Amino acid sequence: MGDLVVEARDFEDIRLLYPRGFINAHTVRVFEGELQRTLKDGRFKIVVNCSGLSYIASAGLGAIMGSIEEIRQNGGDLRLSSLNETVRNIFEILGFNHLYRIFPTESEAIESFLSGGASL
């Protein structure tokens, strides 16, 4: 079973999250913990850079869905970048590409916040 590490850093008022590994029922608490820490820190503009994410199961999708209401109620959004083909297919099959803005690169996701881009 793969492990998960989530690194975080801030760029201006945007929190960048870097999950590396697998998000599944066994590792989702790590990801949820970092999302909750981000919200507790008052950071509501979030970019999840998925370049190191090998796989995301329903537990990980649930973690994202569980925090999006609070994020958007506080004027923010959660945006995704750098999805590999496997992760992108999961998001598309489940329709998450209609619920969240997905960008090819982290810099494009950051720029969408800086230029005042709206959430979906």
PDB file of N, CA and C in Angstrom:
ATOM      1  N   MET A   1       0.853  -1.181   0.000  1.00  0.00           N
ATOM      2  CA  MET A   1       0.000   0.000   0.000  1.00  0.00           C
ATOM      3  C   MET A   1       0.891   1.234   0.000  1.00  0.00           C
ATOM      4  N   GLY A   2       0.621   2.170  -0.908  1.00  0.00           N
ATOM      5  CA  GLY A   2       1.430   3.371  -1.008  1.00  0.00           C
ATOM      6  C   GLY A   2       1.166   4.350   0.107  1.00  0.00           C
ATOM      7  N   ASP A   3       2.165   5.128   0.407  1.00  0.00           N
ATOM      8  CA  ASP A   3       2.052   6.162   1.412  1.00  0.00           C
ATOM      9  C   ASP A   3       1.675   7.477   0.755  1.00  0.00           C
ATOM     10  N   LEU A   4       1.369   8.455   1.606  1.00  0.00           N
ATOM     11  CA  LEU A   4       1.038   9.787   1.121  1.00  0.00           C
ATOM     12  C   LEU A   4       1.770  10.805   1.966  1.00  0.00           C
ATOM     13  N   VAL A   5       2.361  11.754   1.290  1.00  0.00           N
ATOM     14  CA  VAL A   5       2.967  12.918   1.933  1.00  0.00           C
ATOM     15  C   VAL A   5       2.340  14.134   1.283  1.00  0.00           C
ATOM     16  N   VAL A   6       1.978  15.135   2.092  1.00  0.00           N
ATOM     17  CA  VAL A   6       1.425  16.367   1.541  1.00  0.00           C
ATOM     18  C   VAL A   6       2.275  17.527   2.039  1.00  0.00           C
ATOM     19  N   GLU A   7       2.924  18.191   1.109  1.00  0.00           N
ATOM     20  CA  GLU A   7       3.697  19.386   1.437  1.00  0.00           C
ATOM     21  C   GLU A   7       2.844  20.600   1.126  1.00  0.00           C
ATOM     22  N   ALA A   8       3.112  21.692   1.839  1.00  0.00           N
ATOM     23  CA  ALA A   8       2.355  22.928   1.635  1.00  0.00           C
ATOM     24  C   ALA A   8       3.317  24.103   1.628  1.00  0.00           C
ATOM     25  N   ARG A   9       2.980  25.073   0.813  1.00  0.00           N
ATOM     26  CA  ARG A   9       3.702  26.349   0.845  1.00  0.00           C
ATOM     27  C   ARG A   9       2.736  27.434   0.404  1.00  0.00           C
ATOM     28  N   ASP A  10       3.080  28.660   0.730  1.00  0.00           N
ATOM     29  CA  ASP A  10       2.218  29.786   0.388  1.00  0.00           C
ATOM     30  C   ASP A  10       2.871  30.646  -0.682  1.00  0.00           C
ATOM     31  N   PHE A  11       2.044  31.123  -1.584  1.00  0.00           N
ATOM     32  CA  PHE A  11       2.457  32.102  -2.578  1.00  0.00           C
ATOM     33  C   PHE A  11       1.440  33.226  -2.510  1.00  0.00           C
ATOM     34  N   GLU A  12       1.865  34.376  -2.007  1.00  0.00           N
ATOM     35  CA  GLU A  12       0.958  35.485  -1.732  1.00  0.00           C
ATOM     36  C   GLU A  12      -0.171  34.966  -0.847  1.00  0.00           C
ATOM     37  N   ASP A  13      -1.423  35.109  -1.269  1.00  0.00           N
ATOM     38  CA  ASP A  13      -2.532  34.634  -0.415  1.00  0.00           C
ATOM     39  C   ASP A  13      -3.069  33.270  -0.857  1.00  0.00           C
ATOM     40  N   ILE A  14      -2.248  32.538  -1.609  1.00  0.00           N
ATOM     41  CA  ILE A  14      -2.648  31.230  -2.140  1.00  0.00           C
ATOM     42  C   ILE A  14      -1.865  30.138  -1.417  1.00  0.00           C
ATOM     43  N   ARG A  15      -2.571  29.116  -0.958  1.00  0.00           N
ATOM     44  CA  ARG A  15      -1.902  27.946  -0.358  1.00  0.00           C
ATOM     45  C   ARG A  15      -1.741  26.897  -1.446  1.00  0.00           C
ATOM     46  N   LEU A  16      -0.528  26.440  -1.627  1.00  0.00           N
ATOM     47  CA  LEU A  16      -0.212  25.402  -2.604  1.00  0.00           C
ATOM     48  C   LEU A  16      -0.012  24.092  -1.862  1.00  0.00           C
ATOM     49  N   LEU A  17      -0.744  23.070  -2.279  1.00  0.00           N
ATOM     50  CA  LEU A  17      -0.632  21.747  -1.674  1.00  0.00           C
ATOM     51  C   LEU A  17      -0.051  20.778  -2.691  1.00  0.00           C
ATOM     52  N   TYR A  18       0.865  19.938  -2.210  1.00  0.00           N
ATOM     53  CA  TYR A  18       1.561  18.986  -3.069  1.00  0.00           C
ATOM     54  C   TYR A  18       1.418  17.572  -2.516  1.00  0.00           C
ATOM     55  N   PRO A  19       0.309  16.896  -2.825  1.00  0.00           N
ATOM     56  CA  PRO A  19       0.193  15.497  -2.396  1.00  0.00           C
ATOM     57  C   PRO A  19       1.091  14.612  -3.256  1.00  0.00           C
ATOM     58  N   ARG A  20       1.820  13.700  -2.612  1.00  0.00           N
ATOM     59  CA  ARG A  20       2.682  12.774  -3.330  1.00  0.00           C
ATOM     60  C   ARG A  20       2.368  11.357  -2.871  1.00  0.00           C
ATOM     61  N   GLY A  21       1.975  10.527  -3.827  1.00  0.00           N
ATOM     62  CA  GLY A  21       1.635   9.147  -3.516  1.00  0.00           C
ATOM     63  C   GLY A  21       0.196   8.848  -3.892  1.00  0.00           C
ATOM     64  N   PHE A  22      -0.474   8.119  -3.020  1.00  0.00           N
ATOM     65  CA  PHE A  22      -1.844   7.671  -3.262  1.00  0.00           C
ATOM     66  C   PHE A  22      -2.766   8.267  -2.205  1.00  0.00           C
ATOM     67  N   ILE A  23      -3.919   8.793  -2.635  1.00  0.00           N
ATOM     68  CA  ILE A  23      -4.948   9.195  -1.667  1.00  0.00           C
ATOM     69  C   ILE A  23      -6.032   8.132  -1.744  1.00  0.00           C
ATOM     70  N   ASN A  24      -6.157   7.369  -0.659  1.00  0.00           N
ATOM     71  CA  ASN A  24      -7.175   6.326  -0.576  1.00  0.00           C
ATOM     72  C   ASN A  24      -7.697   6.276   0.856  1.00  0.00           C
ATOM     73  N   ALA A  25      -8.475   5.279   1.175  1.00  0.00           N
ATOM     74  CA  ALA A  25      -9.080   5.178   2.506  1.00  0.00           C
ATOM     75  C   ALA A  25      -8.034   5.113   3.614  1.00  0.00           C
ATOM     76  N   HIS A  26      -6.854   4.599   3.307  1.00  0.00           N
ATOM     77  CA  HIS A  26      -5.803   4.447   4.323  1.00  0.00           C
ATOM     78  C   HIS A  26      -4.980   5.713   4.514  1.00  0.00           C
ATOM     79  N   THR A  27      -4.945   6.587   3.499  1.00  0.00           N
ATOM     80  CA  THR A  27      -4.089   7.766   3.568  1.00  0.00           C
ATOM     81  C   THR A  27      -4.855   9.086   3.574  1.00  0.00           C
ATOM     82  N   VAL A  28      -6.165   9.024   3.413  1.00  0.00           N
ATOM     83  CA  VAL A  28      -6.946  10.255   3.239  1.00  0.00           C
ATOM     84  C   VAL A  28      -6.842  11.186   4.440  1.00  0.00           C
ATOM     85  N   ARG A  29      -6.621  10.659   5.638  1.00  0.00           N
ATOM     86  CA  ARG A  29      -6.524  11.518   6.832  1.00  0.00           C
ATOM     87  C   ARG A  29      -5.370  12.514   6.709  1.00  0.00           C
ATOM     88  N   VAL A  30      -4.287  12.100   6.063  1.00  0.00           N
ATOM     89  CA  VAL A  30      -3.151  13.003   5.857  1.00  0.00           C
ATOM     90  C   VAL A  30      -3.590  14.180   4.983  1.00  0.00           C
ATOM     91  N   PHE A  31      -4.283  13.872   3.892  1.00  0.00           N
ATOM     92  CA  PHE A  31      -4.753  14.906   2.973  1.00  0.00           C
ATOM     93  C   PHE A  31      -5.804  15.791   3.644  1.00  0.00           C
ATOM     94  N   GLU A  32      -6.772  15.185   4.318  1.00  0.00           N
ATOM     95  CA  GLU A  32      -7.799  15.955   5.023  1.00  0.00           C
ATOM     96  C   GLU A  32      -7.184  16.863   6.080  1.00  0.00           C
ATOM     97  N   GLY A  33      -6.200  16.352   6.774  1.00  0.00           N
ATOM     98  CA  GLY A  33      -5.538  17.144   7.807  1.00  0.00           C
ATOM     99  C   GLY A  33      -4.903  18.391   7.233  1.00  0.00           C
ATOM    100  N   GLU A  34      -4.271  18.264   6.088  1.00  0.00           N
ATOM    101  CA  GLU A  34      -3.633  19.431   5.464  1.00  0.00           C
ATOM    102  C   GLU A  34      -4.675  20.415   4.946  1.00  0.00           C
ATOM    103  N   LEU A  35      -5.784  19.906   4.399  1.00  0.00           N
ATOM    104  CA  LEU A  35      -6.868  20.793   3.975  1.00  0.00           C
ATOM    105  C   LEU A  35      -7.433  21.553   5.175  1.00  0.00           C
ATOM    106  N   GLN A  36      -7.681  20.860   6.276  1.00  0.00           N
ATOM    107  CA  GLN A  36      -8.235  21.503   7.469  1.00  0.00           C
ATOM    108  C   GLN A  36      -7.255  22.520   8.054  1.00  0.00           C
ATOM    109  N   ARG A  37      -5.978  22.222   8.052  1.00  0.00           N
ATOM    110  CA  ARG A  37      -4.956  23.163   8.532  1.00  0.00           C
ATOM    111  C   ARG A  37      -4.964  24.422   7.659  1.00  0.00           C
ATOM    112  N   THR A  38      -5.127  24.229   6.364  1.00  0.00           N
ATOM    113  CA  THR A  38      -5.184  25.349   5.429  1.00  0.00           C
ATOM    114  C   THR A  38      -6.362  26.259   5.757  1.00  0.00           C
ATOM    115  N   LEU A  39      -7.533  25.668   5.985  1.00  0.00           N
ATOM    116  CA  LEU A  39      -8.721  26.459   6.308  1.00  0.00           C
ATOM    117  C   LEU A  39      -8.576  27.144   7.662  1.00  0.00           C
ATOM    118  N   LYS A  40      -8.014  26.434   8.630  1.00  0.00           N
ATOM    119  CA  LYS A  40      -7.789  27.006   9.961  1.00  0.00           C
ATOM    120  C   LYS A  40      -6.841  28.204   9.876  1.00  0.00           C
ATOM    121  N   ASP A  41      -5.896  28.155   8.943  1.00  0.00           N
ATOM    122  CA  ASP A  41      -4.960  29.256   8.728  1.00  0.00           C
ATOM    123  C   ASP A  41      -5.612  30.429   7.989  1.00  0.00           C
ATOM    124  N   GLY A  42      -6.884  30.282   7.628  1.00  0.00           N
ATOM    125  CA  GLY A  42      -7.581  31.348   6.908  1.00  0.00           C
ATOM    126  C   GLY A  42      -7.201  31.436   5.449  1.00  0.00           C
ATOM    127  N   ARG A  43      -6.722  30.342   4.900  1.00  0.00           N
ATOM    128  CA  ARG A  43      -6.349  30.290   3.483  1.00  0.00           C
ATOM    129  C   ARG A  43      -7.483  29.632   2.710  1.00  0.00           C
ATOM    130  N   PHE A  44      -8.114  30.408   1.820  1.00  0.00           N
ATOM    131  CA  PHE A  44      -9.259  29.880   1.089  1.00  0.00           C
ATOM    132  C   PHE A  44      -9.032  29.867  -0.425  1.00  0.00           C
ATOM    133  N   LYS A  45      -7.867  30.311  -0.848  1.00  0.00           N
ATOM    134  CA  LYS A  45      -7.454  30.153  -2.241  1.00  0.00           C
ATOM    135  C   LYS A  45      -6.426  29.032  -2.230  1.00  0.00           C
ATOM    136  N   ILE A  46      -6.809  27.906  -2.828  1.00  0.00           N
ATOM    137  CA  ILE A  46      -5.998  26.700  -2.720  1.00  0.00           C
ATOM    138  C   ILE A  46      -5.742  26.112  -4.104  1.00  0.00           C
ATOM    139  N   VAL A  47      -4.492  25.787  -4.357  1.00  0.00           N
ATOM    140  CA  VAL A  47      -4.124  25.054  -5.568  1.00  0.00           C
ATOM    141  C   VAL A  47      -3.556  23.714  -5.118  1.00  0.00           C
ATOM    142  N   VAL A  48      -4.147  22.633  -5.600  1.00  0.00           N
ATOM    143  CA  VAL A  48      -3.619  21.296  -5.341  1.00  0.00           C
ATOM    144  C   VAL A  48      -2.851  20.881  -6.591  1.00  0.00           C
ATOM    145  N   ASN A  49      -1.533  20.842  -6.454  1.00  0.00           N
ATOM    146  CA  ASN A  49      -0.669  20.431  -7.560  1.00  0.00           C
ATOM    147  C   ASN A  49      -0.584  18.908  -7.518  1.00  0.00           C
ATOM    148  N   CYS A  50      -1.167  18.267  -8.503  1.00  0.00           N
ATOM    149  CA  CYS A  50      -1.298  16.804  -8.513  1.00  0.00           C
ATOM    150  C   CYS A  50      -0.172  16.098  -9.266  1.00  0.00           C
ATOM    151  N   SER A  51       0.912  16.806  -9.548  1.00  0.00           N
ATOM    152  CA  SER A  51       1.986  16.189 -10.333  1.00  0.00           C
ATOM    153  C   SER A  51       2.598  14.979  -9.634  1.00  0.00           C
ATOM    154  N   GLY A  52       2.565  14.942  -8.311  1.00  0.00           N
ATOM    155  CA  GLY A  52       3.110  13.806  -7.574  1.00  0.00           C
ATOM    156  C   GLY A  52       2.062  12.823  -7.113  1.00  0.00           C
ATOM    157  N   LEU A  53       0.830  13.038  -7.531  1.00  0.00           N
ATOM    158  CA  LEU A  53      -0.278  12.180  -7.105  1.00  0.00           C
ATOM    159  C   LEU A  53      -0.421  11.023  -8.093  1.00  0.00           C
ATOM    160  N   SER A  54      -0.224   9.819  -7.598  1.00  0.00           N
ATOM    161  CA  SER A  54      -0.310   8.639  -8.459  1.00  0.00           C
ATOM    162  C   SER A  54      -1.738   8.178  -8.670  1.00  0.00           C
ATOM    163  N   TYR A  55      -2.565   8.357  -7.632  1.00  0.00           N
ATOM    164  CA  TYR A  55      -3.940   7.842  -7.694  1.00  0.00           C
ATOM    165  C   TYR A  55      -4.768   8.544  -6.628  1.00  0.00           C
ATOM    166  N   ILE A  56      -6.046   8.773  -6.908  1.00  0.00           N
ATOM    167  CA  ILE A  56      -6.973   9.309  -5.923  1.00  0.00           C
ATOM    168  C   ILE A  56      -8.237   8.458  -5.940  1.00  0.00           C
ATOM    169  N   ALA A  57      -8.596   7.923  -4.795  1.00  0.00           N
ATOM    170  CA  ALA A  57      -9.798   7.106  -4.651  1.00  0.00           C
ATOM    171  C   ALA A  57     -10.946   7.978  -4.157  1.00  0.00           C
ATOM    172  N   SER A  58     -12.106   7.366  -4.004  1.00  0.00           N
ATOM    173  CA  SER A  58     -13.292   8.109  -3.592  1.00  0.00           C
ATOM    174  C   SER A  58     -13.103   8.834  -2.265  1.00  0.00           C
ATOM    175  N   ALA A  59     -12.286   8.288  -1.380  1.00  0.00           N
ATOM    176  CA  ALA A  59     -12.031   8.949  -0.095  1.00  0.00           C
ATOM    177  C   ALA A  59     -11.387  10.317  -0.311  1.00  0.00           C
ATOM    178  N   GLY A  60     -10.466  10.406  -1.243  1.00  0.00           N
ATOM    179  CA  GLY A  60      -9.821  11.682  -1.544  1.00  0.00           C
ATOM    180  C   GLY A  60     -10.768  12.668  -2.184  1.00  0.00           C
ATOM    181  N   LEU A  61     -11.609  12.174  -3.078  1.00  0.00           N
ATOM    182  CA  LEU A  61     -12.614  13.036  -3.699  1.00  0.00           C
ATOM    183  C   LEU A  61     -13.586  13.545  -2.647  1.00  0.00           C
ATOM    184  N   GLY A  62     -13.928  12.685  -1.689  1.00  0.00           N
ATOM    185  CA  GLY A  62     -14.806  13.087  -0.595  1.00  0.00           C
ATOM    186  C   GLY A  62     -14.179  14.174   0.265  1.00  0.00           C
ATOM    187  N   ALA A  63     -12.880  14.098   0.480  1.00  0.00           N
ATOM    188  CA  ALA A  63     -12.183  15.123   1.265  1.00  0.00           C
ATOM    189  C   ALA A  63     -12.270  16.482   0.570  1.00  0.00           C
ATOM    190  N   ILE A  64     -12.118  16.484  -0.737  1.00  0.00           N
ATOM    191  CA  ILE A  64     -12.226  17.731  -1.498  1.00  0.00           C
ATOM    192  C   ILE A  64     -13.653  18.264  -1.415  1.00  0.00           C
ATOM    193  N   MET A  65     -14.621  17.389  -1.642  1.00  0.00           N
ATOM    194  CA  MET A  65     -16.029  17.808  -1.586  1.00  0.00           C
ATOM    195  C   MET A  65     -16.406  18.305  -0.191  1.00  0.00           C
ATOM    196  N   GLY A  66     -15.824  17.690   0.838  1.00  0.00           N
ATOM    197  CA  GLY A  66     -16.148  18.063   2.208  1.00  0.00           C
ATOM    198  C   GLY A  66     -15.653  19.436   2.607  1.00  0.00           C
ATOM    199  N   SER A  67     -14.688  19.983   1.899  1.00  0.00           N
ATOM    200  CA  SER A  67     -14.146  21.286   2.273  1.00  0.00           C
ATOM    201  C   SER A  67     -14.554  22.407   1.325  1.00  0.00           C
ATOM    202  N   ILE A  68     -15.073  22.069   0.146  1.00  0.00           N
ATOM    203  CA  ILE A  68     -15.303  23.098  -0.876  1.00  0.00           C
ATOM    204  C   ILE A  68     -16.358  24.115  -0.456  1.00  0.00           C
ATOM    205  N   GLU A  69     -17.381  23.697   0.277  1.00  0.00           N
ATOM    206  CA  GLU A  69     -18.417  24.649   0.674  1.00  0.00           C
ATOM    207  C   GLU A  69     -17.827  25.743   1.561  1.00  0.00           C
ATOM    208  N   GLU A  70     -17.044  25.350   2.566  1.00  0.00           N
ATOM    209  CA  GLU A  70     -16.421  26.338   3.449  1.00  0.00           C
ATOM    210  C   GLU A  70     -15.466  27.243   2.665  1.00  0.00           C
ATOM    211  N   ILE A  71     -14.721  26.654   1.752  1.00  0.00           N
ATOM    212  CA  ILE A  71     -13.779  27.427   0.936  1.00  0.00           C
ATOM    213  C   ILE A  71     -14.516  28.489   0.139  1.00  0.00           C
ATOM    214  N   ARG A  72     -15.558  28.095  -0.553  1.00  0.00           N
ATOM    215  CA  ARG A  72     -16.273  29.037  -1.422  1.00  0.00           C
ATOM    216  C   ARG A  72     -17.104  30.029  -0.620  1.00  0.00           C
ATOM    217  N   GLN A  73     -17.603  29.637   0.538  1.00  0.00           N
ATOM    218  CA  GLN A  73     -18.344  30.586   1.388  1.00  0.00           C
ATOM    219  C   GLN A  73     -17.436  31.699   1.896  1.00  0.00           C
ATOM    220  N   ASN A  74     -16.161  31.440   1.927  1.00  0.00           N
ATOM    221  CA  ASN A  74     -15.187  32.432   2.370  1.00  0.00           C
ATOM    222  C   ASN A  74     -14.504  33.142   1.203  1.00  0.00           C
ATOM    223  N   GLY A  75     -15.124  33.068   0.039  1.00  0.00           N
ATOM    224  CA  GLY A  75     -14.633  33.806  -1.120  1.00  0.00           C
ATOM    225  C   GLY A  75     -13.466  33.171  -1.847  1.00  0.00           C
ATOM    226  N   GLY A  76     -13.174  31.919  -1.545  1.00  0.00           N
ATOM    227  CA  GLY A  76     -12.050  31.248  -2.176  1.00  0.00           C
ATOM    228  C   GLY A  76     -12.480  30.176  -3.154  1.00  0.00           C
ATOM    229  N   ASP A  77     -11.520  29.359  -3.522  1.00  0.00           N
ATOM    230  CA  ASP A  77     -11.787  28.235  -4.410  1.00  0.00           C
ATOM    231  C   ASP A  77     -10.636  27.248  -4.289  1.00  0.00           C
ATOM    232  N   LEU A  78     -10.889  26.030  -4.682  1.00  0.00           N
ATOM    233  CA  LEU A  78      -9.863  24.993  -4.753  1.00  0.00           C
ATOM    234  C   LEU A  78      -9.690  24.660  -6.217  1.00  0.00           C
ATOM    235  N   ARG A  79      -8.476  24.806  -6.704  1.00  0.00           N
ATOM    236  CA  ARG A  79      -8.169  24.536  -8.105  1.00  0.00           C
ATOM    237  C   ARG A  79      -7.114  23.452  -8.182  1.00  0.00           C
ATOM    238  N   LEU A  80      -7.157  22.708  -9.245  1.00  0.00           N
ATOM    239  CA  LEU A  80      -6.267  21.563  -9.420  1.00  0.00           C
ATOM    240  C   LEU A  80      -5.343  21.816 -10.602  1.00  0.00           C
ATOM    241  N   SER A  81      -4.114  21.322 -10.473  1.00  0.00           N
ATOM    242  CA  SER A  81      -3.188  21.463 -11.596  1.00  0.00           C
ATOM    243  C   SER A  81      -2.355  20.202 -11.749  1.00  0.00           C
ATOM    244  N   SER A  82      -1.807  20.069 -12.940  1.00  0.00           N
ATOM    245  CA  SER A  82      -0.783  19.060 -13.235  1.00  0.00           C
ATOM    246  C   SER A  82      -1.245  17.627 -12.995  1.00  0.00           C
ATOM    247  N   LEU A  83      -2.475  17.313 -13.415  1.00  0.00           N
ATOM    248  CA  LEU A  83      -3.003  15.961 -13.240  1.00  0.00           C
ATOM    249  C   LEU A  83      -2.393  15.023 -14.268  1.00  0.00           C
ATOM    250  N   ASN A  84      -1.967  13.832 -13.817  1.00  0.00           N
ATOM    251  CA  ASN A  84      -1.523  12.829 -14.778  1.00  0.00           C
ATOM    252  C   ASN A  84      -2.767  12.209 -15.427  1.00  0.00           C
ATOM    253  N   GLU A  85      -2.567  11.379 -16.423  1.00  0.00           N
ATOM    254  CA  GLU A  85      -3.698  10.827 -17.178  1.00  0.00           C
ATOM    255  C   GLU A  85      -4.638   9.999 -16.293  1.00  0.00           C
ATOM    256  N   THR A  86      -4.089   9.212 -15.392  1.00  0.00           N
ATOM    257  CA  THR A  86      -4.915   8.374 -14.514  1.00  0.00           C
ATOM    258  C   THR A  86      -5.821   9.225 -13.639  1.00  0.00           C
ATOM    259  N   VAL A  87      -5.237  10.220 -12.981  1.00  0.00           N
ATOM    260  CA  VAL A  87      -6.008  11.083 -12.075  1.00  0.00           C
ATOM    261  C   VAL A  87      -7.007  11.915 -12.864  1.00  0.00           C
ATOM    262  N   ARG A  88      -6.593  12.427 -14.015  1.00  0.00           N
ATOM    263  CA  ARG A  88      -7.505  13.219 -14.853  1.00  0.00           C
ATOM    264  C   ARG A  88      -8.718  12.372 -15.269  1.00  0.00           C
ATOM    265  N   ASN A  89      -8.476  11.129 -15.658  1.00  0.00           N
ATOM    266  CA  ASN A  89      -9.578  10.251 -16.064  1.00  0.00           C
ATOM    267  C   ASN A  89     -10.561  10.035 -14.910  1.00  0.00           C
ATOM    268  N   ILE A  90     -10.053   9.853 -13.710  1.00  0.00           N
ATOM    269  CA  ILE A  90     -10.929   9.678 -12.541  1.00  0.00           C
ATOM    270  C   ILE A  90     -11.801  10.909 -12.363  1.00  0.00           C
ATOM    271  N   PHE A  91     -11.195  12.091 -12.419  1.00  0.00           N
ATOM    272  CA  PHE A  91     -11.959  13.331 -12.261  1.00  0.00           C
ATOM    273  C   PHE A  91     -13.004  13.485 -13.359  1.00  0.00           C
ATOM    274  N   GLU A  92     -12.646  13.151 -14.588  1.00  0.00           N
ATOM    275  CA  GLU A  92     -13.581  13.304 -15.705  1.00  0.00           C
ATOM    276  C   GLU A  92     -14.722  12.299 -15.630  1.00  0.00           C
ATOM    277  N   ILE A  93     -14.415  11.054 -15.315  1.00  0.00           N
ATOM    278  CA  ILE A  93     -15.461  10.024 -15.221  1.00  0.00           C
ATOM    279  C   ILE A  93     -16.509  10.407 -14.168  1.00  0.00           C
ATOM    280  N   LEU A  94     -16.046  10.964 -13.062  1.00  0.00           N
ATOM    281  CA  LEU A  94     -16.951  11.328 -11.966  1.00  0.00           C
ATOM    282  C   LEU A  94     -17.522  12.738 -12.105  1.00  0.00           C
ATOM    283  N   GLY A  95     -17.137  13.448 -13.156  1.00  0.00           N
ATOM    284  CA  GLY A  95     -17.688  14.781 -13.398  1.00  0.00           C
ATOM    285  C   GLY A  95     -17.064  15.888 -12.572  1.00  0.00           C
ATOM    286  N   PHE A  96     -15.952  15.609 -11.902  1.00  0.00           N
ATOM    287  CA  PHE A  96     -15.300  16.631 -11.083  1.00  0.00           C
ATOM    288  C   PHE A  96     -14.739  17.766 -11.942  1.00  0.00           C
ATOM    289  N   ASN A  97     -14.485  17.492 -13.210  1.00  0.00           N
ATOM    290  CA  ASN A  97     -13.995  18.540 -14.094  1.00  0.00           C
ATOM    291  C   ASN A  97     -15.057  19.611 -14.331  1.00  0.00           C
ATOM    292  N   HIS A  98     -16.315  19.326 -13.971  1.00  0.00           N
ATOM    293  CA  HIS A  98     -17.378  20.331 -14.065  1.00  0.00           C
ATOM    294  C   HIS A  98     -17.568  21.061 -12.749  1.00  0.00           C
ATOM    295  N   LEU A  99     -16.995  20.550 -11.668  1.00  0.00           N
ATOM    296  CA  LEU A  99     -17.140  21.148 -10.342  1.00  0.00           C
ATOM    297  C   LEU A  99     -15.932  21.971  -9.927  1.00  0.00           C
ATOM    298  N   TYR A 100     -14.778  21.662 -10.503  1.00  0.00           N
ATOM    299  CA  TYR A 100     -13.522  22.306 -10.125  1.00  0.00           C
ATOM    300  C   TYR A 100     -12.770  22.732 -11.365  1.00  0.00           C
ATOM    301  N   ARG A 101     -12.083  23.861 -11.257  1.00  0.00           N
ATOM    302  CA  ARG A 101     -11.254  24.308 -12.374  1.00  0.00           C
ATOM    303  C   ARG A 101      -9.944  23.531 -12.340  1.00  0.00           C
ATOM    304  N   ILE A 102      -9.590  22.970 -13.483  1.00  0.00           N
ATOM    305  CA  ILE A 102      -8.387  22.154 -13.629  1.00  0.00           C
ATOM    306  C   ILE A 102      -7.477  22.835 -14.648  1.00  0.00           C
ATOM    307  N   PHE A 103      -6.197  22.969 -14.278  1.00  0.00           N
ATOM    308  CA  PHE A 103      -5.227  23.659 -15.117  1.00  0.00           C
ATOM    309  C   PHE A 103      -4.070  22.729 -15.463  1.00  0.00           C
ATOM    310  N   PRO A 104      -3.503  22.903 -16.655  1.00  0.00           N
ATOM    311  CA  PRO A 104      -2.368  22.056 -17.052  1.00  0.00           C
ATOM    312  C   PRO A 104      -1.146  22.251 -16.158  1.00  0.00           C
ATOM    313  N   THR A 105      -0.939  23.489 -15.674  1.00  0.00           N
ATOM    314  CA  THR A 105       0.243  23.772 -14.863  1.00  0.00           C
ATOM    315  C   THR A 105      -0.135  24.522 -13.586  1.00  0.00           C
ATOM    316  N   GLU A 106       0.749  24.421 -12.604  1.00  0.00           N
ATOM    317  CA  GLU A 106       0.542  25.157 -11.360  1.00  0.00           C
ATOM    318  C   GLU A 106       0.527  26.666 -11.620  1.00  0.00           C
ATOM    319  N   SER A 107       1.429  27.147 -12.457  1.00  0.00           N
ATOM    320  CA  SER A 107       1.497  28.590 -12.705  1.00  0.00           C
ATOM    321  C   SER A 107       0.197  29.118 -13.312  1.00  0.00           C
ATOM    322  N   GLU A 108      -0.455  28.331 -14.165  1.00  0.00           N
ATOM    323  CA  GLU A 108      -1.740  28.757 -14.729  1.00  0.00           C
ATOM    324  C   GLU A 108      -2.825  28.797 -13.652  1.00  0.00           C
ATOM    325  N   ALA A 109      -2.809  27.847 -12.732  1.00  0.00           N
ATOM    326  CA  ALA A 109      -3.781  27.839 -11.635  1.00  0.00           C
ATOM    327  C   ALA A 109      -3.565  29.046 -10.734  1.00  0.00           C
ATOM    328  N   ILE A 110      -2.306  29.351 -10.426  1.00  0.00           N
ATOM    329  CA  ILE A 110      -1.999  30.526  -9.606  1.00  0.00           C
ATOM    330  C   ILE A 110      -2.456  31.792 -10.324  1.00  0.00           C
ATOM    331  N   GLU A 111      -2.125  31.900 -11.589  1.00  0.00           N
ATOM    332  CA  GLU A 111      -2.499  33.089 -12.368  1.00  0.00           C
ATOM    333  C   GLU A 111      -4.009  33.277 -12.395  1.00  0.00           C
ATOM    334  N   SER A 112      -4.773  32.187 -12.403  1.00  0.00           N
ATOM    335  CA  SER A 112      -6.238  32.307 -12.421  1.00  0.00           C
ATOM    336  C   SER A 112      -6.747  33.007 -11.165  1.00  0.00           C
ATOM    337  N   PHE A 113      -6.068  32.804 -10.037  1.00  0.00           N
ATOM    338  CA  PHE A 113      -6.425  33.530  -8.819  1.00  0.00           C
ATOM    339  C   PHE A 113      -5.972  34.985  -8.898  1.00  0.00           C
ATOM    340  N   LEU A 114      -4.762  35.210  -9.370  1.00  0.00           N
ATOM    341  CA  LEU A 114      -4.197  36.548  -9.401  1.00  0.00           C
ATOM    342  C   LEU A 114      -4.970  37.455 -10.352  1.00  0.00           C
ATOM    343  N   SER A 115      -5.521  36.857 -11.415  1.00  0.00           N
ATOM    344  CA  SER A 115      -6.271  37.653 -12.383  1.00  0.00           C
ATOM    345  C   SER A 115      -7.752  37.764 -12.025  1.00  0.00           C
ATOM    346  N   GLY A 116      -8.108  37.235 -10.848  1.00  0.00           N
ATOM    347  CA  GLY A 116      -9.491  37.372 -10.366  1.00  0.00           C
ATOM    348  C   GLY A 116     -10.466  36.395 -10.965  1.00  0.00           C
ATOM    349  N   GLY A 117      -9.993  35.257 -11.447  1.00  0.00           N
ATOM    350  CA  GLY A 117     -10.866  34.250 -12.038  1.00  0.00           C
ATOM    351  C   GLY A 117     -11.852  33.691 -11.031  1.00  0.00           C
ATOM    352  N   ALA A 118     -13.076  33.522 -11.449  1.00  0.00           N
ATOM    353  CA  ALA A 118     -14.137  33.032 -10.566  1.00  0.00           C
ATOM    354  C   ALA A 118     -14.098  31.517 -10.436  1.00  0.00           C
ATOM    355  N   SER A 119     -14.748  31.044  -9.380  1.00  0.00           N
ATOM    356  CA  SER A 119     -14.902  29.591  -9.212  1.00  0.00           C
ATOM    357  C   SER A 119     -16.011  29.115 -10.129  1.00  0.00           C
ATOM    358  N   LEU A 120     -16.170  27.816 -10.213  1.00  0.00           N
ATOM    359  CA  LEU A 120     -17.251  27.249 -11.039  1.00  0.00           C
ATOM    360  C   LEU A 120     -18.555  27.296 -10.300  1.00  0.00           C
TER     361      LEU A 120
END
